[in-house]
Protein backbone atom coordinates (compact mmCIF):
# COMPACT_ATOMS: atom_id res chain seq x y z
CA MET A 1 12.31 9.79 -16.18
CA ALA A 2 10.12 9.62 -12.16
CA SER A 3 9.44 13.20 -12.37
CA HIS A 4 7.50 12.87 -15.68
CA TYR A 5 5.48 10.25 -13.86
CA LEU A 6 5.03 11.39 -10.21
CA PHE A 7 4.22 15.20 -10.54
CA PRO A 8 0.61 14.10 -12.88
CA ALA A 9 -0.32 11.56 -10.29
CA VAL A 10 0.25 13.79 -7.50
CA LYS A 11 -1.69 16.30 -8.94
CA LEU A 12 -4.79 14.15 -9.25
CA LEU A 13 -4.16 13.26 -6.09
CA LYS A 14 -4.30 16.37 -4.84
CA GLN A 15 -7.39 17.42 -6.57
CA LYS A 16 -9.03 14.69 -5.60
CA CYS A 17 -8.25 14.41 -2.09
CA PHE A 18 -7.55 18.78 -1.53
CA PRO A 19 -10.64 19.55 -3.81
CA SER A 20 -11.00 22.95 -1.54
CA LEU A 21 -7.13 23.59 -3.15
CA SER A 22 -7.80 24.99 -6.03
CA GLY A 23 -9.30 27.73 -5.74
CA MET A 24 -7.70 29.39 -2.90
CA LYS A 25 -6.52 33.06 -2.20
CA SER A 26 -3.29 33.26 -0.98
CA CYS A 27 -2.39 35.29 2.12
CA GLN A 28 1.61 35.71 1.88
CA ASN A 29 2.96 35.16 -1.08
CA PHE A 30 6.52 34.21 -0.89
CA SER A 31 7.10 34.31 -4.43
CA SER A 32 7.65 30.44 -4.87
CA MET A 33 5.16 29.66 -2.27
CA GLN A 34 2.25 31.13 -1.46
CA VAL A 35 -0.12 29.27 1.59
CA ASP A 36 -3.63 29.47 2.15
CA GLU A 37 -5.28 32.16 4.31
CA THR A 38 -7.65 29.12 5.79
CA GLU A 39 -4.10 27.54 6.73
CA GLY A 40 -2.31 30.24 7.78
CA ALA A 41 -5.22 30.97 10.08
CA ASN A 42 -5.48 27.34 11.56
CA PHE A 43 -2.09 27.00 11.70
CA LYS A 44 -1.84 30.46 14.46
CA ARG A 45 -4.66 28.86 16.26
CA PHE A 46 -2.48 25.42 16.86
CA ALA A 47 0.46 27.19 18.24
CA GLN A 48 -0.04 26.39 21.89
CA HIS A 49 -1.24 22.75 20.87
CA TRP A 50 1.90 21.46 19.32
CA TRP A 51 3.28 19.64 22.05
CA ASP A 52 0.44 17.97 23.48
CA TYR A 53 0.67 14.58 22.70
CA ASP A 54 -3.30 13.94 22.78
CA GLY A 55 -4.81 17.14 21.67
CA ASP A 56 -5.14 18.30 18.13
CA LEU A 57 -1.60 17.81 17.07
CA GLN A 58 -1.43 14.48 18.32
CA PRO A 59 -1.13 12.60 14.80
CA LEU A 60 2.17 14.72 13.62
CA HIS A 61 3.66 12.80 17.01
CA THR A 62 2.22 8.99 16.16
CA MET A 63 3.81 9.92 12.93
CA ASN A 64 6.64 10.17 13.55
CA ARG A 65 6.86 6.16 14.82
CA LEU A 66 6.46 6.33 11.11
CA ARG A 67 8.23 9.28 9.13
CA VAL A 68 12.00 9.52 11.38
CA PRO A 69 12.48 5.36 10.11
CA PHE A 70 11.52 6.30 6.76
CA ILE A 71 14.07 9.12 6.81
CA GLN A 72 16.91 7.54 8.71
CA ASN A 73 16.69 4.41 6.48
CA GLY A 74 16.31 6.84 3.22
CA LEU A 75 19.54 8.83 4.83
CA CYS A 76 21.61 6.04 6.51
CA PRO A 77 21.94 2.30 4.33
CA LEU A 78 22.64 -0.65 6.78
CA THR A 79 26.17 -1.00 5.65
CA THR A 80 27.10 2.30 6.81
CA LEU A 81 26.30 1.25 10.37
CA SER A 82 29.60 0.03 11.64
CA THR A 83 30.36 1.95 14.61
CA ILE A 84 28.74 2.87 18.08
CA ASP A 85 28.43 6.04 17.13
CA SER A 86 27.02 5.19 13.96
CA VAL A 87 24.13 3.21 15.80
CA CYS A 88 23.28 5.71 18.24
CA LEU A 89 23.47 9.20 15.99
CA PRO A 90 22.19 7.42 12.71
CA LEU A 91 21.96 11.05 11.25
CA LYS A 92 25.28 12.39 12.17
CA GLY A 93 26.59 15.02 10.43
CA THR A 94 23.64 15.14 8.25
CA LYS A 95 22.59 18.41 7.66
CA ILE A 96 18.29 18.37 6.80
CA LEU A 97 16.22 21.25 6.07
CA ASP A 98 12.60 20.95 7.27
CA VAL A 99 10.26 22.35 5.17
CA GLY A 100 6.93 24.29 7.19
CA CYS A 101 8.85 22.55 10.35
CA GLY A 102 5.49 24.54 12.94
CA GLY A 103 6.42 23.71 16.33
CA GLY A 104 9.56 21.60 15.08
CA ILE A 105 7.94 17.67 16.07
CA LEU A 106 10.24 16.45 13.10
CA ALA A 107 12.96 19.01 13.65
CA GLU A 108 14.16 17.41 17.22
CA ALA A 109 13.19 14.35 16.56
CA LEU A 110 15.68 14.14 13.77
CA SER A 111 18.38 16.17 15.86
CA MET A 112 18.09 13.80 18.51
CA LEU A 113 19.40 11.05 15.85
CA GLY A 114 22.34 13.54 15.25
CA ALA A 115 21.71 15.82 12.31
CA GLU A 116 22.00 19.29 12.05
CA VAL A 117 18.28 20.43 11.08
CA LEU A 118 17.52 23.89 9.90
CA GLY A 119 13.39 24.04 10.62
CA ILE A 120 11.85 27.11 8.46
CA ASP A 121 7.90 27.58 8.72
CA LEU A 122 5.80 30.98 7.34
CA VAL A 123 3.92 30.88 10.97
CA GLU A 124 6.05 32.89 13.61
CA GLU A 125 3.85 31.15 16.17
CA GLY A 126 5.02 27.71 15.05
CA ILE A 127 8.95 29.10 14.71
CA LYS A 128 7.84 31.07 18.56
CA VAL A 129 6.25 27.18 19.96
CA ALA A 130 9.85 25.68 18.46
CA GLN A 131 12.27 27.87 19.57
CA GLU A 132 10.97 27.88 23.42
CA HIS A 133 10.72 23.97 23.33
CA VAL A 134 14.03 23.64 22.34
CA GLU A 135 15.03 26.23 25.10
CA ALA A 136 12.68 24.10 27.69
CA THR A 137 14.19 21.22 27.05
CA SER A 138 18.40 22.33 26.20
CA TYR A 139 19.06 19.96 29.15
CA ARG A 140 18.82 17.23 25.78
CA TRP A 141 21.57 18.48 23.83
CA ILE A 142 24.11 19.66 26.68
CA ASP A 143 25.51 16.44 27.85
CA HIS A 144 25.94 15.25 24.65
CA PRO A 145 28.67 17.03 22.07
CA ASP A 146 27.66 15.68 18.97
CA LEU A 147 23.76 16.65 19.45
CA HIS A 148 23.11 20.20 18.09
CA LYS A 149 19.83 21.66 19.12
CA PRO A 150 17.42 22.03 16.02
CA THR A 151 17.12 25.68 14.44
CA TYR A 152 14.51 27.70 13.67
CA LYS A 153 13.99 30.81 10.91
CA LEU A 154 10.90 32.38 9.93
CA THR A 155 11.77 32.48 6.00
CA SER A 156 10.01 31.21 2.73
CA VAL A 157 11.43 28.61 0.89
CA GLN A 158 12.95 31.55 -1.87
CA SER A 159 14.39 33.43 0.84
CA ILE A 160 16.24 30.00 2.44
CA THR A 161 17.34 28.48 -1.73
CA GLN A 162 19.05 32.32 -1.98
CA GLU A 163 20.38 32.20 1.58
CA TYR A 164 22.10 28.08 1.51
CA PRO A 165 22.35 26.85 -1.54
CA CYS A 166 23.83 23.84 -1.82
CA GLN A 167 23.62 23.01 1.60
CA PHE A 168 21.39 20.43 3.09
CA ASP A 169 22.31 16.63 2.52
CA ALA A 170 18.21 16.59 2.53
CA VAL A 171 14.95 18.24 2.36
CA VAL A 172 11.83 17.10 3.85
CA ALA A 173 8.71 19.14 3.85
CA SER A 174 6.75 16.67 5.89
CA GLU A 175 2.60 17.11 5.56
CA VAL A 176 3.19 20.39 3.67
CA LEU A 177 2.48 20.09 0.03
CA GLU A 178 -1.64 20.27 0.51
CA HIS A 179 -0.69 23.53 1.94
CA VAL A 180 0.95 25.30 -0.89
CA THR A 181 -0.52 26.14 -4.25
CA ASP A 182 2.16 26.24 -6.01
CA TRP A 183 3.94 22.70 -4.70
CA GLU A 184 6.46 22.48 -8.64
CA ASP A 185 7.60 25.14 -8.09
CA MET A 186 8.65 25.41 -4.46
CA LEU A 187 10.14 21.63 -5.06
CA ASN A 188 12.29 23.36 -8.14
CA ASN A 189 13.38 25.64 -5.99
CA LEU A 190 14.17 23.31 -2.91
CA LYS A 191 16.27 20.68 -4.99
CA GLN A 192 18.78 24.76 -4.70
CA CYS A 193 18.88 23.92 -1.11
CA LEU A 194 20.55 20.67 -2.04
CA LYS A 195 24.50 19.57 -2.68
């Protein structure tokens, strides 16, 4: 099975590339997801910069050029692109859970492709920024009945698993695993959210 080879490789990558994560203290224990105290503080500090395209979080905006098409192509085989609607809104009707959504950079991009996105995070400041940005740019969703504003919740993986079992077509945890102490448990919990 592929996961048999994947998990040891990811574990090695974590040890080699993120050695500081091995002895971290958790600031919030949500059973299945422990976040490093320093990481949580960093994300609180970044709250005011999430939507500054030239600021400290500019790489996340740049990454959308790669990760959005990657997600889209994974969810929409070319054979399904048979109508104008499916070309303009290739993710229409797709329910996506965005774990560790932060300020909503990825969630908004996926929503603009027609997906129904629920973004969750453990950092309240990021959720507030995401909600405020959606409201400040709500004109993008008003005129198109097939577009849904992303929604955001301050919650843990374990809570979302209990609240939304078998509800999502896809779960995205982009730029998250390196900030979590028990990522294997997190992934096992997230599988329960998939249809």
